[in-house]
Amino acid sequence: MNCNEALPWMHEYLDGDLTGTPLTELKKHLLSCQACSLRYRKMQNTEAMVRSLPHLAAPADLTDRIMASLPKQPKRSNAWLQWIKRHPAISVASMFIFVMLSASLSMWNSDTELVVKGASLEQVVIKGDTVYVPAGHTVNGNLMVKNGKIQIDGQVNGNLVVIDGTYNLASTAHISGKIKQVDQALDWLWFEVNEYVGLFAK
């Protein structure tokens, strides 16, 4: 056994954890090696001195004094509030979008009035909540009907948009553009956004 192997065993022996063959080998090594024997006696003396010290109890108010002497930590604010403070432009934009969506959705649910938009509305006939394009009549340009029905017997030279309503095409009807039916709030919102973008694009 060399001195490096003996040192951890000395600690175990002082703790009372070393038994069996390792204990026998350590005792043989301590008898044959003066340096390890001296080190072991010093460790024994140190342990005896530590054990002879009087046991001191900590004062009852020690914890309170330590806690009082620690620096005060600032209150942690909510993570959302910190994010909002760091990104004010995004916060304002998202709040604006939220308000606009809320307003648009409430308008979608409350708006039940028939609305007809187009270039040549003199070619259409409105009866109650139904818009008619009679046979032999031609609507030049786009035609939009909101919250109603449209019956097309004539011709529409443009797109037909039906929002929250229905359309019916006769066999004599002809639409040169596209037919778009919007019957959900998000589709309507997307349609409105496209309309506004189209106004600025012109």
Protein backbone atom coordinates (compact mmCIF):
# COMPACT_ATOMS: atom_id res chain seq x y z
CA MET A 1 0.00 0.00 0.00
CA ASN A 2 1.32 3.48 -0.81
CA CYS A 3 0.72 6.71 1.13
CA ASN A 4 -1.87 8.06 -1.33
CA GLU A 5 -4.03 4.96 -0.84
CA ALA A 6 -3.64 5.14 2.95
CA LEU A 7 -4.92 8.73 3.35
CA PRO A 8 -8.62 8.12 2.52
CA TRP A 9 -8.56 4.99 4.68
CA MET A 10 -7.23 7.09 7.60
CA HIS A 11 -10.28 9.35 7.32
CA GLU A 12 -12.58 6.33 7.25
CA TYR A 13 -10.81 4.83 10.27
CA LEU A 14 -11.19 8.06 12.26
CA ASP A 15 -14.90 8.10 11.37
CA GLY A 16 -15.21 4.48 12.54
CA ASP A 17 -16.22 3.22 9.08
CA LEU A 18 -13.14 1.11 8.21
CA THR A 19 -13.34 -2.61 8.96
CA GLY A 20 -12.02 -5.95 7.74
CA THR A 21 -9.05 -6.36 5.41
CA PRO A 22 -8.63 -2.62 4.66
CA LEU A 23 -8.28 -1.95 8.41
CA THR A 24 -5.57 -4.62 8.75
CA GLU A 25 -3.67 -3.25 5.74
CA LEU A 26 -3.87 0.33 7.08
CA LYS A 27 -2.49 -0.71 10.48
CA LYS A 28 0.42 -2.54 8.80
CA HIS A 29 1.14 0.55 6.68
CA LEU A 30 1.06 2.90 9.70
CA LEU A 31 3.60 0.65 11.51
CA SER A 32 5.96 0.65 8.52
CA CYS A 33 5.61 4.32 7.30
CA GLN A 34 6.70 7.11 9.68
CA ALA A 35 5.23 9.93 7.53
CA CYS A 36 1.74 8.37 7.49
CA SER A 37 2.00 7.50 11.20
CA LEU A 38 2.83 11.15 12.01
CA ARG A 39 0.02 12.40 9.80
CA TYR A 40 -2.43 9.99 11.46
CA ARG A 41 -1.43 11.18 14.98
CA LYS A 42 -1.94 14.84 13.90
CA MET A 43 -5.37 13.97 12.54
CA GLN A 44 -6.22 12.19 15.82
CA ASN A 45 -5.09 15.23 17.86
CA THR A 46 -7.11 17.62 15.66
CA GLU A 47 -10.22 15.49 16.00
CA ALA A 48 -9.76 15.27 19.79
CA MET A 49 -9.40 19.07 20.04
CA VAL A 50 -12.54 19.64 17.97
CA ARG A 51 -14.50 17.21 20.14
CA SER A 52 -13.27 18.90 23.32
CA LEU A 53 -14.62 22.32 22.28
CA PRO A 54 -17.76 23.35 24.17
CA HIS A 55 -20.98 23.07 22.19
CA LEU A 56 -22.36 26.53 21.47
CA ALA A 57 -25.99 27.07 20.59
CA ALA A 58 -26.90 29.75 18.08
CA PRO A 59 -28.86 32.71 19.48
CA ALA A 60 -32.63 32.36 19.11
CA ASP A 61 -32.93 35.50 16.96
CA LEU A 62 -30.05 34.64 14.61
CA THR A 63 -32.31 33.80 11.66
CA ASP A 64 -34.31 37.02 12.05
CA ARG A 65 -31.14 39.14 12.22
CA ILE A 66 -29.68 37.50 9.13
CA MET A 67 -32.92 37.96 7.17
CA ALA A 68 -33.13 41.61 8.27
CA SER A 69 -29.56 42.31 7.16
CA LEU A 70 -30.12 40.94 3.65
CA PRO A 71 -30.72 43.60 0.97
CA LYS A 72 -34.33 44.07 0.00
CA GLN A 73 -35.16 42.52 -3.34
CA PRO A 74 -37.45 44.47 -5.61
CA LYS A 75 -40.85 42.93 -6.12
CA ARG A 76 -40.95 40.89 -9.27
CA SER A 77 -43.54 42.26 -11.59
CA ASN A 78 -45.60 40.12 -13.89
CA ALA A 79 -43.73 38.75 -16.93
CA TRP A 80 -46.49 40.03 -19.25
CA LEU A 81 -46.12 43.56 -17.90
CA GLN A 82 -42.36 43.45 -18.41
CA TRP A 83 -42.84 42.25 -21.99
CA ILE A 84 -45.36 45.02 -22.67
CA LYS A 85 -42.96 47.64 -21.28
CA ARG A 86 -40.14 46.34 -23.48
CA HIS A 87 -42.28 46.18 -26.66
CA PRO A 88 -44.70 49.11 -26.60
CA ALA A 89 -45.30 49.28 -30.36
CA ILE A 90 -46.20 45.61 -30.65
CA SER A 91 -48.40 45.91 -27.56
CA VAL A 92 -50.32 48.86 -28.99
CA ALA A 93 -50.68 47.18 -32.39
CA SER A 94 -51.96 43.94 -30.89
CA MET A 95 -54.40 45.84 -28.67
CA PHE A 96 -55.64 47.75 -31.73
CA ILE A 97 -56.14 44.51 -33.66
CA PHE A 98 -57.98 42.98 -30.70
CA VAL A 99 -60.33 45.99 -30.44
CA MET A 100 -60.95 46.02 -34.19
CA LEU A 101 -61.68 42.29 -34.22
CA SER A 102 -64.08 42.67 -31.31
CA ALA A 103 -65.85 45.57 -32.99
CA SER A 104 -66.01 43.75 -36.32
CA LEU A 105 -67.40 40.59 -34.77
CA SER A 106 -70.03 42.53 -32.86
CA MET A 107 -70.95 44.38 -36.07
CA TRP A 108 -71.20 41.03 -37.86
CA ASN A 109 -73.71 39.74 -35.33
CA SER A 110 -75.77 42.93 -35.01
CA ASP A 111 -75.87 44.12 -38.63
CA THR A 112 -78.95 42.59 -40.33
CA GLU A 113 -79.87 45.39 -42.75
CA LEU A 114 -79.83 44.64 -46.48
CA VAL A 115 -76.93 46.37 -48.24
CA VAL A 116 -76.50 46.46 -52.03
CA LYS A 117 -73.40 47.98 -53.64
CA GLY A 118 -72.51 48.17 -57.29
CA ALA A 119 -71.81 50.38 -60.28
CA SER A 120 -75.15 50.27 -62.11
CA LEU A 121 -77.79 49.65 -59.45
CA GLU A 122 -80.56 51.00 -61.70
CA GLN A 123 -80.50 47.58 -63.38
CA VAL A 124 -81.55 45.73 -60.19
CA VAL A 125 -84.91 45.41 -58.46
CA ILE A 126 -85.10 45.17 -54.65
CA LYS A 127 -88.13 43.54 -53.01
CA GLY A 128 -87.90 43.00 -49.24
CA ASP A 129 -84.62 41.23 -48.57
CA THR A 130 -84.25 39.93 -52.14
CA VAL A 131 -82.33 41.61 -54.96
CA TYR A 132 -83.32 40.73 -58.54
CA VAL A 133 -81.37 41.16 -61.74
CA PRO A 134 -84.21 40.67 -64.27
CA ALA A 135 -83.73 38.87 -67.57
CA GLY A 136 -82.52 41.24 -70.28
CA HIS A 137 -80.85 43.59 -67.75
CA THR A 138 -77.07 43.93 -67.43
CA VAL A 139 -75.13 45.13 -64.36
CA ASN A 140 -71.80 46.53 -65.49
CA GLY A 141 -69.21 46.20 -62.70
CA ASN A 142 -69.08 44.31 -59.44
CA LEU A 143 -72.22 43.66 -57.41
CA MET A 144 -72.26 43.07 -53.65
CA VAL A 145 -75.29 41.98 -51.61
CA LYS A 146 -75.09 41.81 -47.83
CA ASN A 147 -77.69 40.25 -45.49
CA GLY A 148 -80.04 39.25 -48.26
CA LYS A 149 -80.79 37.00 -51.22
CA ILE A 150 -80.02 37.65 -54.84
CA GLN A 151 -81.81 36.16 -57.84
CA ILE A 152 -79.96 36.61 -61.13
CA ASP A 153 -81.87 36.10 -64.35
CA GLY A 154 -79.86 38.66 -66.36
CA GLN A 155 -76.17 39.40 -66.73
CA VAL A 156 -73.44 40.71 -64.37
CA ASN A 157 -70.28 41.96 -66.06
CA GLY A 158 -68.07 41.72 -62.97
CA ASN A 159 -67.76 39.85 -59.70
CA LEU A 160 -70.67 38.87 -57.46
CA VAL A 161 -70.09 38.97 -53.68
CA VAL A 162 -72.80 37.66 -51.34
CA ILE A 163 -72.15 38.34 -47.64
CA ASP A 164 -74.26 36.46 -45.11
CA GLY A 165 -76.89 35.60 -47.69
CA THR A 166 -77.71 33.32 -50.60
CA TYR A 167 -77.68 33.55 -54.38
CA ASN A 168 -79.67 31.83 -57.09
CA LEU A 169 -78.74 31.77 -60.77
CA ALA A 170 -81.31 31.16 -63.49
CA SER A 171 -80.41 29.25 -66.63
CA THR A 172 -80.38 32.58 -68.51
CA ALA A 173 -77.98 34.21 -65.99
CA HIS A 174 -74.41 35.05 -66.90
CA ILE A 175 -71.68 36.33 -64.55
CA SER A 176 -68.42 37.26 -66.22
CA GLY A 177 -66.41 37.47 -62.98
CA LYS A 178 -66.11 35.36 -59.87
CA ILE A 179 -68.79 34.50 -57.34
CA LYS A 180 -67.70 34.89 -53.72
CA GLN A 181 -69.95 33.86 -50.85
CA VAL A 182 -68.96 35.00 -47.36
CA ASP A 183 -70.95 33.56 -44.49
CA GLN A 184 -68.54 33.52 -41.56
CA ALA A 185 -67.21 36.42 -39.54
CA LEU A 186 -63.54 35.74 -40.30
CA ASP A 187 -64.24 35.48 -44.03
CA TRP A 188 -66.09 38.78 -43.84
CA LEU A 189 -63.23 40.42 -41.93
CA TRP A 190 -60.76 39.16 -44.54
CA PHE A 191 -63.02 40.49 -47.30
CA GLU A 192 -63.17 43.92 -45.61
CA VAL A 193 -59.38 44.04 -45.21
CA ASN A 194 -58.96 43.19 -48.90
CA GLU A 195 -61.45 45.94 -49.81
CA TYR A 196 -59.46 48.54 -47.84
CA VAL A 197 -56.17 47.36 -49.30
CA GLY A 198 -57.74 47.54 -52.76
CA LEU A 199 -58.72 51.17 -52.13
CA PHE A 200 -55.14 52.11 -51.26
CA ALA A 201 -53.68 50.11 -54.14
CA LYS A 202 -55.61 52.11 -56.75
